[in-house]
Amino acid sequence: MANNDQDFLSRIQMTVEENLSNPNFTAEDLCDQVFLSRSQCHRKLKSLLGMSATEYIRQQRLERAAELLQSQKWRVAEVVLAVGFDHHSYFAKCFREQYGCCPSEYAGG
């Protein structure tokens, strides 16, 4: 992978991490913050990672949620808010799709 692609992915990841708990943070916001149009950002992410900006943000949120749940220091409801999901049911659906179990099972409870 070229250096400019690595730099792009680093900027994307840092921007998502900075905004992880903001449920109003969208793919459009991400693209704006990395100074690309939505279509440019989408094409670049799709070619490098095989996913859209929206999918990438969701994946990062779910990965962070899994880390928090594994620490067993957070309740599921706290994790939902910490990773920027507005609705517990949508979080549970997305989590189950990615990890094959519900968040409380993943946390060991």
PDB file of N, CA and C in Angstrom:
ATOM      1  N   MET A   1       0.857  -1.181   0.000  1.00  0.00           N
ATOM      2  CA  MET A   1       0.000   0.000   0.000  1.00  0.00           C
ATOM      3  C   MET A   1       0.899   1.239   0.000  1.00  0.00           C
ATOM      4  N   ALA A   2       0.556   2.197  -0.818  1.00  0.00           N
ATOM      5  CA  ALA A   2       1.350   3.425  -0.943  1.00  0.00           C
ATOM      6  C   ALA A   2       1.253   4.276   0.317  1.00  0.00           C
ATOM      7  N   ASN A   3       2.280   5.090   0.530  1.00  0.00           N
ATOM      8  CA  ASN A   3       2.308   5.963   1.709  1.00  0.00           C
ATOM      9  C   ASN A   3       1.107   6.891   1.780  1.00  0.00           C
ATOM     10  N   ASN A   4       0.705   7.449   0.621  1.00  0.00           N
ATOM     11  CA  ASN A   4      -0.445   8.364   0.651  1.00  0.00           C
ATOM     12  C   ASN A   4      -1.731   7.627   1.025  1.00  0.00           C
ATOM     13  N   ASP A   5      -1.832   6.345   0.672  1.00  0.00           N
ATOM     14  CA  ASP A   5      -2.987   5.553   1.083  1.00  0.00           C
ATOM     15  C   ASP A   5      -2.945   5.288   2.586  1.00  0.00           C
ATOM     16  N   GLN A   6      -1.754   4.999   3.102  1.00  0.00           N
ATOM     17  CA  GLN A   6      -1.596   4.799   4.551  1.00  0.00           C
ATOM     18  C   GLN A   6      -1.952   6.082   5.304  1.00  0.00           C
ATOM     19  N   ASP A   7      -1.497   7.222   4.785  1.00  0.00           N
ATOM     20  CA  ASP A   7      -1.807   8.517   5.409  1.00  0.00           C
ATOM     21  C   ASP A   7      -3.310   8.769   5.403  1.00  0.00           C
ATOM     22  N   PHE A   8      -3.948   8.462   4.285  1.00  0.00           N
ATOM     23  CA  PHE A   8      -5.393   8.638   4.169  1.00  0.00           C
ATOM     24  C   PHE A   8      -6.118   7.777   5.204  1.00  0.00           C
ATOM     25  N   LEU A   9      -5.739   6.501   5.297  1.00  0.00           N
ATOM     26  CA  LEU A   9      -6.393   5.606   6.254  1.00  0.00           C
ATOM     27  C   LEU A   9      -6.131   6.042   7.691  1.00  0.00           C
ATOM     28  N   SER A  10      -4.951   6.541   7.969  1.00  0.00           N
ATOM     29  CA  SER A  10      -4.646   7.041   9.314  1.00  0.00           C
ATOM     30  C   SER A  10      -5.514   8.244   9.653  1.00  0.00           C
ATOM     31  N   ARG A  11      -5.672   9.153   8.697  1.00  0.00           N
ATOM     32  CA  ARG A  11      -6.531  10.330   8.916  1.00  0.00           C
ATOM     33  C   ARG A  11      -7.969   9.906   9.132  1.00  0.00           C
ATOM     34  N   ILE A  12      -8.433   8.968   8.332  1.00  0.00           N
ATOM     35  CA  ILE A  12      -9.803   8.465   8.461  1.00  0.00           C
ATOM     36  C   ILE A  12      -9.993   7.852   9.850  1.00  0.00           C
ATOM     37  N   GLN A  13      -9.077   6.972  10.241  1.00  0.00           N
ATOM     38  CA  GLN A  13      -9.202   6.294  11.529  1.00  0.00           C
ATOM     39  C   GLN A  13      -9.167   7.289  12.682  1.00  0.00           C
ATOM     40  N   MET A  14      -8.254   8.246  12.644  1.00  0.00           N
ATOM     41  CA  MET A  14      -8.143   9.231  13.715  1.00  0.00           C
ATOM     42  C   MET A  14      -9.414  10.081  13.802  1.00  0.00           C
ATOM     43  N   THR A  15      -9.952  10.465  12.665  1.00  0.00           N
ATOM     44  CA  THR A  15     -11.167  11.279  12.636  1.00  0.00           C
ATOM     45  C   THR A  15     -12.343  10.505  13.215  1.00  0.00           C
ATOM     46  N   VAL A  16     -12.476   9.241  12.848  1.00  0.00           N
ATOM     47  CA  VAL A  16     -13.566   8.416  13.383  1.00  0.00           C
ATOM     48  C   VAL A  16     -13.401   8.246  14.892  1.00  0.00           C
ATOM     49  N   GLU A  17     -12.190   7.964  15.342  1.00  0.00           N
ATOM     50  CA  GLU A  17     -11.952   7.778  16.780  1.00  0.00           C
ATOM     51  C   GLU A  17     -12.307   9.036  17.569  1.00  0.00           C
ATOM     52  N   GLU A  18     -11.977  10.198  17.016  1.00  0.00           N
ATOM     53  CA  GLU A  18     -12.275  11.465  17.694  1.00  0.00           C
ATOM     54  C   GLU A  18     -13.775  11.714  17.808  1.00  0.00           C
ATOM     55  N   ASN A  19     -14.537  11.124  16.921  1.00  0.00           N
ATOM     56  CA  ASN A  19     -15.979  11.372  16.870  1.00  0.00           C
ATOM     57  C   ASN A  19     -16.816  10.149  17.211  1.00  0.00           C
ATOM     58  N   LEU A  20     -16.191   9.137  17.750  1.00  0.00           N
ATOM     59  CA  LEU A  20     -16.859   7.856  17.974  1.00  0.00           C
ATOM     60  C   LEU A  20     -18.116   7.960  18.828  1.00  0.00           C
ATOM     61  N   SER A  21     -18.088   8.776  19.858  1.00  0.00           N
ATOM     62  CA  SER A  21     -19.236   8.843  20.768  1.00  0.00           C
ATOM     63  C   SER A  21     -20.341   9.767  20.266  1.00  0.00           C
ATOM     64  N   ASN A  22     -20.114  10.453  19.166  1.00  0.00           N
ATOM     65  CA  ASN A  22     -21.098  11.388  18.621  1.00  0.00           C
ATOM     66  C   ASN A  22     -22.077  10.636  17.718  1.00  0.00           C
ATOM     67  N   PRO A  23     -23.318  10.440  18.152  1.00  0.00           N
ATOM     68  CA  PRO A  23     -24.273   9.695  17.321  1.00  0.00           C
ATOM     69  C   PRO A  23     -24.663  10.450  16.047  1.00  0.00           C
ATOM     70  N   ASN A  24     -24.376  11.745  15.995  1.00  0.00           N
ATOM     71  CA  ASN A  24     -24.711  12.538  14.811  1.00  0.00           C
ATOM     72  C   ASN A  24     -23.581  12.598  13.796  1.00  0.00           C
ATOM     73  N   PHE A  25     -22.470  11.933  14.082  1.00  0.00           N
ATOM     74  CA  PHE A  25     -21.333  11.906  13.167  1.00  0.00           C
ATOM     75  C   PHE A  25     -21.661  10.973  12.008  1.00  0.00           C
ATOM     76  N   THR A  26     -21.655  11.511  10.806  1.00  0.00           N
ATOM     77  CA  THR A  26     -22.058  10.758   9.616  1.00  0.00           C
ATOM     78  C   THR A  26     -20.896  10.607   8.639  1.00  0.00           C
ATOM     79  N   ALA A  27     -21.130   9.839   7.607  1.00  0.00           N
ATOM     80  CA  ALA A  27     -20.143   9.681   6.546  1.00  0.00           C
ATOM     81  C   ALA A  27     -19.832  11.036   5.905  1.00  0.00           C
ATOM     82  N   GLU A  28     -20.842  11.882   5.759  1.00  0.00           N
ATOM     83  CA  GLU A  28     -20.624  13.215   5.188  1.00  0.00           C
ATOM     84  C   GLU A  28     -19.672  14.025   6.066  1.00  0.00           C
ATOM     85  N   ASP A  29     -19.861  13.932   7.384  1.00  0.00           N
ATOM     86  CA  ASP A  29     -18.969  14.630   8.318  1.00  0.00           C
ATOM     87  C   ASP A  29     -17.538  14.112   8.182  1.00  0.00           C
ATOM     88  N   LEU A  30     -17.395  12.814   8.100  1.00  0.00           N
ATOM     89  CA  LEU A  30     -16.077  12.213   7.945  1.00  0.00           C
ATOM     90  C   LEU A  30     -15.399  12.736   6.685  1.00  0.00           C
ATOM     91  N   CYS A  31     -16.108  12.706   5.587  1.00  0.00           N
ATOM     92  CA  CYS A  31     -15.540  13.154   4.320  1.00  0.00           C
ATOM     93  C   CYS A  31     -15.158  14.631   4.371  1.00  0.00           C
ATOM     94  N   ASP A  32     -16.014  15.437   4.978  1.00  0.00           N
ATOM     95  CA  ASP A  32     -15.705  16.865   5.140  1.00  0.00           C
ATOM     96  C   ASP A  32     -14.427  17.064   5.942  1.00  0.00           C
ATOM     97  N   GLN A  33     -14.270  16.289   7.006  1.00  0.00           N
ATOM     98  CA  GLN A  33     -13.120  16.471   7.888  1.00  0.00           C
ATOM     99  C   GLN A  33     -11.808  15.988   7.278  1.00  0.00           C
ATOM    100  N   VAL A  34     -11.879  15.133   6.275  1.00  0.00           N
ATOM    101  CA  VAL A  34     -10.659  14.706   5.585  1.00  0.00           C
ATOM    102  C   VAL A  34     -10.542  15.391   4.223  1.00  0.00           C
ATOM    103  N   PHE A  35     -11.386  16.391   4.008  1.00  0.00           N
ATOM    104  CA  PHE A  35     -11.311  17.275   2.839  1.00  0.00           C
ATOM    105  C   PHE A  35     -11.472  16.546   1.511  1.00  0.00           C
ATOM    106  N   LEU A  36     -12.443  15.639   1.479  1.00  0.00           N
ATOM    107  CA  LEU A  36     -12.793  14.945   0.243  1.00  0.00           C
ATOM    108  C   LEU A  36     -14.298  15.009   0.051  1.00  0.00           C
ATOM    109  N   SER A  37     -14.710  14.980  -1.210  1.00  0.00           N
ATOM    110  CA  SER A  37     -16.141  14.882  -1.467  1.00  0.00           C
ATOM    111  C   SER A  37     -16.590  13.494  -1.036  1.00  0.00           C
ATOM    112  N   ARG A  38     -17.877  13.354  -0.817  1.00  0.00           N
ATOM    113  CA  ARG A  38     -18.396  12.054  -0.389  1.00  0.00           C
ATOM    114  C   ARG A  38     -18.084  10.973  -1.422  1.00  0.00           C
ATOM    115  N   SER A  39     -18.221  11.298  -2.709  1.00  0.00           N
ATOM    116  CA  SER A  39     -17.961  10.284  -3.736  1.00  0.00           C
ATOM    117  C   SER A  39     -16.479   9.919  -3.800  1.00  0.00           C
ATOM    118  N   GLN A  40     -15.584  10.894  -3.652  1.00  0.00           N
ATOM    119  CA  GLN A  40     -14.148  10.593  -3.644  1.00  0.00           C
ATOM    120  C   GLN A  40     -13.785   9.719  -2.447  1.00  0.00           C
ATOM    121  N   CYS A  41     -14.294  10.096  -1.298  1.00  0.00           N
ATOM    122  CA  CYS A  41     -14.023   9.352  -0.066  1.00  0.00           C
ATOM    123  C   CYS A  41     -14.566   7.924  -0.187  1.00  0.00           C
ATOM    124  N   HIS A  42     -15.777   7.807  -0.687  1.00  0.00           N
ATOM    125  CA  HIS A  42     -16.406   6.493  -0.853  1.00  0.00           C
ATOM    126  C   HIS A  42     -15.570   5.613  -1.785  1.00  0.00           C
ATOM    127  N   ARG A  43     -15.181   6.161  -2.934  1.00  0.00           N
ATOM    128  CA  ARG A  43     -14.387   5.385  -3.896  1.00  0.00           C
ATOM    129  C   ARG A  43     -13.059   4.939  -3.293  1.00  0.00           C
ATOM    130  N   LYS A  44     -12.416   5.854  -2.589  1.00  0.00           N
ATOM    131  CA  LYS A  44     -11.106   5.541  -2.011  1.00  0.00           C
ATOM    132  C   LYS A  44     -11.226   4.464  -0.921  1.00  0.00           C
ATOM    133  N   LEU A  45     -12.206   4.612  -0.037  1.00  0.00           N
ATOM    134  CA  LEU A  45     -12.400   3.594   1.001  1.00  0.00           C
ATOM    135  C   LEU A  45     -12.796   2.256   0.394  1.00  0.00           C
ATOM    136  N   LYS A  46     -13.661   2.300  -0.600  1.00  0.00           N
ATOM    137  CA  LYS A  46     -14.117   1.073  -1.250  1.00  0.00           C
ATOM    138  C   LYS A  46     -12.931   0.344  -1.890  1.00  0.00           C
ATOM    139  N   SER A  47     -12.040   1.103  -2.529  1.00  0.00           N
ATOM    140  CA  SER A  47     -10.900   0.460  -3.189  1.00  0.00           C
ATOM    141  C   SER A  47      -9.875  -0.057  -2.186  1.00  0.00           C
ATOM    142  N   LEU A  48      -9.693   0.640  -1.071  1.00  0.00           N
ATOM    143  CA  LEU A  48      -8.678   0.236  -0.096  1.00  0.00           C
ATOM    144  C   LEU A  48      -9.184  -0.802   0.907  1.00  0.00           C
ATOM    145  N   LEU A  49     -10.436  -0.649   1.345  1.00  0.00           N
ATOM    146  CA  LEU A  49     -10.952  -1.501   2.413  1.00  0.00           C
ATOM    147  C   LEU A  49     -12.154  -2.345   2.013  1.00  0.00           C
ATOM    148  N   GLY A  50     -12.740  -2.029   0.863  1.00  0.00           N
ATOM    149  CA  GLY A  50     -13.908  -2.785   0.426  1.00  0.00           C
ATOM    150  C   GLY A  50     -15.188  -2.395   1.137  1.00  0.00           C
ATOM    151  N   MET A  51     -15.218  -1.207   1.730  1.00  0.00           N
ATOM    152  CA  MET A  51     -16.429  -0.764   2.418  1.00  0.00           C
ATOM    153  C   MET A  51     -16.628   0.733   2.234  1.00  0.00           C
ATOM    154  N   SER A  52     -17.863   1.166   2.421  1.00  0.00           N
ATOM    155  CA  SER A  52     -18.195   2.587   2.323  1.00  0.00           C
ATOM    156  C   SER A  52     -17.808   3.298   3.613  1.00  0.00           C
ATOM    157  N   ALA A  53     -17.878   4.610   3.603  1.00  0.00           N
ATOM    158  CA  ALA A  53     -17.582   5.396   4.803  1.00  0.00           C
ATOM    159  C   ALA A  53     -18.552   5.047   5.927  1.00  0.00           C
ATOM    160  N   THR A  54     -19.810   4.883   5.603  1.00  0.00           N
ATOM    161  CA  THR A  54     -20.814   4.521   6.609  1.00  0.00           C
ATOM    162  C   THR A  54     -20.494   3.167   7.222  1.00  0.00           C
ATOM    163  N   GLU A  55     -20.143   2.208   6.383  1.00  0.00           N
ATOM    164  CA  GLU A  55     -19.795   0.877   6.879  1.00  0.00           C
ATOM    165  C   GLU A  55     -18.532   0.927   7.744  1.00  0.00           C
ATOM    166  N   TYR A  56     -17.575   1.753   7.343  1.00  0.00           N
ATOM    167  CA  TYR A  56     -16.334   1.866   8.110  1.00  0.00           C
ATOM    168  C   TYR A  56     -16.601   2.463   9.496  1.00  0.00           C
ATOM    169  N   ILE A  57     -17.395   3.511   9.540  1.00  0.00           N
ATOM    170  CA  ILE A  57     -17.728   4.129  10.828  1.00  0.00           C
ATOM    171  C   ILE A  57     -18.421   3.107  11.727  1.00  0.00           C
ATOM    172  N   ARG A  58     -19.404   2.387  11.185  1.00  0.00           N
ATOM    173  CA  ARG A  58     -20.127   1.378  11.966  1.00  0.00           C
ATOM    174  C   ARG A  58     -19.167   0.300  12.457  1.00  0.00           C
ATOM    175  N   GLN A  59     -18.277  -0.164  11.596  1.00  0.00           N
ATOM    176  CA  GLN A  59     -17.326  -1.197  11.995  1.00  0.00           C
ATOM    177  C   GLN A  59     -16.433  -0.700  13.131  1.00  0.00           C
ATOM    178  N   GLN A  60     -15.943   0.517  13.032  1.00  0.00           N
ATOM    179  CA  GLN A  60     -15.090   1.062  14.085  1.00  0.00           C
ATOM    180  C   GLN A  60     -15.850   1.187  15.405  1.00  0.00           C
ATOM    181  N   ARG A  61     -17.095   1.590  15.322  1.00  0.00           N
ATOM    182  CA  ARG A  61     -17.924   1.686  16.527  1.00  0.00           C
ATOM    183  C   ARG A  61     -18.114   0.320  17.169  1.00  0.00           C
ATOM    184  N   LEU A  62     -18.379  -0.673  16.343  1.00  0.00           N
ATOM    185  CA  LEU A  62     -18.610  -2.019  16.868  1.00  0.00           C
ATOM    186  C   LEU A  62     -17.331  -2.638  17.435  1.00  0.00           C
ATOM    187  N   GLU A  63     -16.202  -2.378  16.795  1.00  0.00           N
ATOM    188  CA  GLU A  63     -14.938  -2.889  17.323  1.00  0.00           C
ATOM    189  C   GLU A  63     -14.626  -2.275  18.683  1.00  0.00           C
ATOM    190  N   ARG A  64     -14.863  -0.974  18.813  1.00  0.00           N
ATOM    191  CA  ARG A  64     -14.642  -0.306  20.101  1.00  0.00           C
ATOM    192  C   ARG A  64     -15.623  -0.840  21.146  1.00  0.00           C
ATOM    193  N   ALA A  65     -16.858  -1.068  20.736  1.00  0.00           N
ATOM    194  CA  ALA A  65     -17.857  -1.626  21.652  1.00  0.00           C
ATOM    195  C   ALA A  65     -17.402  -2.989  22.152  1.00  0.00           C
ATOM    196  N   ALA A  66     -16.870  -3.815  21.264  1.00  0.00           N
ATOM    197  CA  ALA A  66     -16.398  -5.143  21.660  1.00  0.00           C
ATOM    198  C   ALA A  66     -15.271  -5.022  22.685  1.00  0.00           C
ATOM    199  N   GLU A  67     -14.355  -4.072  22.471  1.00  0.00           N
ATOM    200  CA  GLU A  67     -13.268  -3.853  23.432  1.00  0.00           C
ATOM    201  C   GLU A  67     -13.820  -3.458  24.797  1.00  0.00           C
ATOM    202  N   LEU A  68     -14.774  -2.532  24.794  1.00  0.00           N
ATOM    203  CA  LEU A  68     -15.354  -2.076  26.059  1.00  0.00           C
ATOM    204  C   LEU A  68     -16.106  -3.201  26.762  1.00  0.00           C
ATOM    205  N   LEU A  69     -16.843  -3.992  26.003  1.00  0.00           N
ATOM    206  CA  LEU A  69     -17.590  -5.103  26.599  1.00  0.00           C
ATOM    207  C   LEU A  69     -16.651  -6.157  27.173  1.00  0.00           C
ATOM    208  N   GLN A  70     -15.551  -6.424  26.489  1.00  0.00           N
ATOM    209  CA  GLN A  70     -14.602  -7.420  26.979  1.00  0.00           C
ATOM    210  C   GLN A  70     -13.937  -6.983  28.274  1.00  0.00           C
ATOM    211  N   SER A  71     -13.801  -5.675  28.461  1.00  0.00           N
ATOM    212  CA  SER A  71     -13.183  -5.183  29.694  1.00  0.00           C
ATOM    213  C   SER A  71     -14.058  -5.474  30.909  1.00  0.00           C
ATOM    214  N   GLN A  72     -15.327  -5.725  30.672  1.00  0.00           N
ATOM    215  CA  GLN A  72     -16.327  -6.015  31.710  1.00  0.00           C
ATOM    216  C   GLN A  72     -16.435  -4.903  32.751  1.00  0.00           C
ATOM    217  N   LYS A  73     -16.050  -3.698  32.366  1.00  0.00           N
ATOM    218  CA  LYS A  73     -16.183  -2.540  33.246  1.00  0.00           C
ATOM    219  C   LYS A  73     -17.374  -1.673  32.843  1.00  0.00           C
ATOM    220  N   TRP A  74     -17.986  -2.014  31.722  1.00  0.00           N
ATOM    221  CA  TRP A  74     -19.081  -1.217  31.172  1.00  0.00           C
ATOM    222  C   TRP A  74     -20.324  -2.083  31.044  1.00  0.00           C
ATOM    223  N   ARG A  75     -21.469  -1.484  31.344  1.00  0.00           N
ATOM    224  CA  ARG A  75     -22.738  -2.145  31.047  1.00  0.00           C
ATOM    225  C   ARG A  75     -23.044  -1.916  29.570  1.00  0.00           C
ATOM    226  N   VAL A  76     -23.858  -2.770  28.999  1.00  0.00           N
ATOM    227  CA  VAL A  76     -24.189  -2.664  27.576  1.00  0.00           C
ATOM    228  C   VAL A  76     -24.785  -1.288  27.266  1.00  0.00           C
ATOM    229  N   ALA A  77     -25.673  -0.803  28.103  1.00  0.00           N
ATOM    230  CA  ALA A  77     -26.305   0.503  27.861  1.00  0.00           C
ATOM    231  C   ALA A  77     -25.265   1.620  27.818  1.00  0.00           C
ATOM    232  N   GLU A  78     -24.243   1.521  28.640  1.00  0.00           N
ATOM    233  CA  GLU A  78     -23.179   2.533  28.635  1.00  0.00           C
ATOM    234  C   GLU A  78     -22.348   2.445  27.361  1.00  0.00           C
ATOM    235  N   VAL A  79     -22.100   1.229  26.917  1.00  0.00           N
ATOM    236  CA  VAL A  79     -21.318   1.022  25.695  1.00  0.00           C
ATOM    237  C   VAL A  79     -22.062   1.594  24.488  1.00  0.00           C
ATOM    238  N   VAL A  80     -23.359   1.358  24.439  1.00  0.00           N
ATOM    239  CA  VAL A  80     -24.175   1.854  23.326  1.00  0.00           C
ATOM    240  C   VAL A  80     -23.963   3.360  23.163  1.00  0.00           C
ATOM    241  N   LEU A  81     -24.038   4.088  24.251  1.00  0.00           N
ATOM    242  CA  LEU A  81     -23.851   5.544  24.205  1.00  0.00           C
ATOM    243  C   LEU A  81     -22.401   5.922  23.924  1.00  0.00           C
ATOM    244  N   ALA A  82     -21.468   5.192  24.491  1.00  0.00           N
ATOM    245  CA  ALA A  82     -20.048   5.517  24.340  1.00  0.00           C
ATOM    246  C   ALA A  82     -19.562   5.389  22.901  1.00  0.00           C
ATOM    247  N   VAL A  83     -20.201   4.518  22.144  1.00  0.00           N
ATOM    248  CA  VAL A  83     -19.764   4.319  20.759  1.00  0.00           C
ATOM    249  C   VAL A  83     -20.697   4.970  19.738  1.00  0.00           C
ATOM    250  N   GLY A  84     -21.597   5.821  20.205  1.00  0.00           N
ATOM    251  CA  GLY A  84     -22.362   6.659  19.290  1.00  0.00           C
ATOM    252  C   GLY A  84     -23.595   6.056  18.650  1.00  0.00           C
ATOM    253  N   PHE A  85     -24.166   5.037  19.267  1.00  0.00           N
ATOM    254  CA  PHE A  85     -25.438   4.514  18.759  1.00  0.00           C
ATOM    255  C   PHE A  85     -26.568   5.182  19.533  1.00  0.00           C
ATOM    256  N   ASP A  86     -27.616   5.548  18.825  1.00  0.00           N
ATOM    257  CA  ASP A  86     -28.773   6.183  19.456  1.00  0.00           C
ATOM    258  C   ASP A  86     -29.744   5.161  20.042  1.00  0.00           C
ATOM    259  N   HIS A  87     -29.821   4.008  19.401  1.00  0.00           N
ATOM    260  CA  HIS A  87     -30.842   3.029  19.767  1.00  0.00           C
ATOM    261  C   HIS A  87     -30.201   1.691  20.121  1.00  0.00           C
ATOM    262  N   HIS A  88     -30.564   1.201  21.289  1.00  0.00           N
ATOM    263  CA  HIS A  88     -30.017  -0.070  21.774  1.00  0.00           C
ATOM    264  C   HIS A  88     -30.357  -1.205  20.811  1.00  0.00           C
ATOM    265  N   SER A  89     -31.571  -1.207  20.282  1.00  0.00           N
ATOM    266  CA  SER A  89     -31.989  -2.315  19.414  1.00  0.00           C
ATOM    267  C   SER A  89     -31.167  -2.341  18.114  1.00  0.00           C
ATOM    268  N   TYR A  90     -30.888  -1.177  17.554  1.00  0.00           N
ATOM    269  CA  TYR A  90     -30.076  -1.123  16.330  1.00  0.00           C
ATOM    270  C   TYR A  90     -28.642  -1.554  16.636  1.00  0.00           C
ATOM    271  N   PHE A  91     -28.117  -1.112  17.769  1.00  0.00           N
ATOM    272  CA  PHE A  91     -26.781  -1.528  18.184  1.00  0.00           C
ATOM    273  C   PHE A  91     -26.727  -3.049  18.314  1.00  0.00           C
ATOM    274  N   ALA A  92     -27.711  -3.630  18.989  1.00  0.00           N
ATOM    275  CA  ALA A  92     -27.739  -5.080  19.203  1.00  0.00           C
ATOM    276  C   ALA A  92     -27.802  -5.825  17.870  1.00  0.00           C
ATOM    277  N   LYS A  93     -28.604  -5.310  16.922  1.00  0.00           N
ATOM    278  CA  LYS A  93     -28.725  -5.929  15.603  1.00  0.00           C
ATOM    279  C   LYS A  93     -27.378  -5.904  14.876  1.00  0.00           C
ATOM    280  N   CYS A  94     -26.742  -4.735  14.837  1.00  0.00           N
ATOM    281  CA  CYS A  94     -25.446  -4.592  14.167  1.00  0.00           C
ATOM    282  C   CYS A  94     -24.380  -5.446  14.845  1.00  0.00           C
ATOM    283  N   PHE A  95     -24.396  -5.450  16.167  1.00  0.00           N
ATOM    284  CA  PHE A  95     -23.407  -6.226  16.921  1.00  0.00           C
ATOM    285  C   PHE A  95     -23.556  -7.708  16.617  1.00  0.00           C
ATOM    286  N   ARG A  96     -24.788  -8.187  16.616  1.00  0.00           N
ATOM    287  CA  ARG A  96     -25.047  -9.609  16.333  1.00  0.00           C
ATOM    288  C   ARG A  96     -24.585  -9.965  14.915  1.00  0.00           C
ATOM    289  N   GLU A  97     -24.811  -9.070  13.952  1.00  0.00           N
ATOM    290  CA  GLU A  97     -24.380  -9.327  12.575  1.00  0.00           C
ATOM    291  C   GLU A  97     -22.866  -9.452  12.488  1.00  0.00           C
ATOM    292  N   GLN A  98     -22.144  -8.625  13.244  1.00  0.00           N
ATOM    293  CA  GLN A  98     -20.688  -8.644  13.161  1.00  0.00           C
ATOM    294  C   GLN A  98     -20.053  -9.739  14.016  1.00  0.00           C
ATOM    295  N   TYR A  99     -20.607  -9.996  15.201  1.00  0.00           N
ATOM    296  CA  TYR A  99     -19.962 -10.917  16.131  1.00  0.00           C
ATOM    297  C   TYR A  99     -20.726 -12.224  16.378  1.00  0.00           C
ATOM    298  N   GLY A 100     -21.910 -12.349  15.831  1.00  0.00           N
ATOM    299  CA  GLY A 100     -22.656 -13.602  15.925  1.00  0.00           C
ATOM    300  C   GLY A 100     -23.298 -13.870  17.271  1.00  0.00           C
ATOM    301  N   CYS A 101     -23.337 -12.884  18.140  1.00  0.00           N
ATOM    302  CA  CYS A 101     -24.006 -13.043  19.434  1.00  0.00           C
ATOM    303  C   CYS A 101     -24.460 -11.672  19.907  1.00  0.00           C
ATOM    304  N   CYS A 102     -25.315 -11.669  20.896  1.00  0.00           N
ATOM    305  CA  CYS A 102     -25.775 -10.381  21.404  1.00  0.00           C
ATOM    306  C   CYS A 102     -24.689  -9.775  22.308  1.00  0.00           C
ATOM    307  N   PRO A 103     -24.713  -8.462  22.502  1.00  0.00           N
ATOM    308  CA  PRO A 103     -23.673  -7.796  23.288  1.00  0.00           C
ATOM    309  C   PRO A 103     -23.508  -8.339  24.703  1.00  0.00           C
ATOM    310  N   SER A 104     -24.606  -8.674  25.366  1.00  0.00           N
ATOM    311  CA  SER A 104     -24.498  -9.171  26.741  1.00  0.00           C
ATOM    312  C   SER A 104     -23.814 -10.544  26.786  1.00  0.00           C
ATOM    313  N   GLU A 105     -24.065 -11.386  25.773  1.00  0.00           N
ATOM    314  CA  GLU A 105     -23.377 -12.675  25.691  1.00  0.00           C
ATOM    315  C   GLU A 105     -21.877 -12.469  25.456  1.00  0.00           C
ATOM    316  N   TYR A 106     -21.560 -11.519  24.594  1.00  0.00           N
ATOM    317  CA  TYR A 106     -20.162 -11.224  24.269  1.00  0.00           C
ATOM    318  C   TYR A 106     -19.421 -10.754  25.510  1.00  0.00           C
ATOM    319  N   ALA A 107     -20.119  -9.985  26.348  1.00  0.00           N
ATOM    320  CA  ALA A 107     -19.514  -9.450  27.566  1.00  0.00           C
ATOM    321  C   ALA A 107     -19.357 -10.520  28.635  1.00  0.00           C
ATOM    322  N   GLY A 108     -19.974 -11.669  28.403  1.00  0.00           N
ATOM    323  CA  GLY A 108     -19.859 -12.751  29.374  1.00  0.00           C
ATOM    324  C   GLY A 108     -20.976 -12.748  30.401  1.00  0.00           C
ATOM    325  N   GLY A 109     -22.057 -12.024  30.078  1.00  0.00           N
ATOM    326  CA  GLY A 109     -23.165 -11.966  31.033  1.00  0.00           C
ATOM    327  C   GLY A 109     -24.368 -12.433  30.434  1.00  0.00           C
TER     328      GLY A 109
END
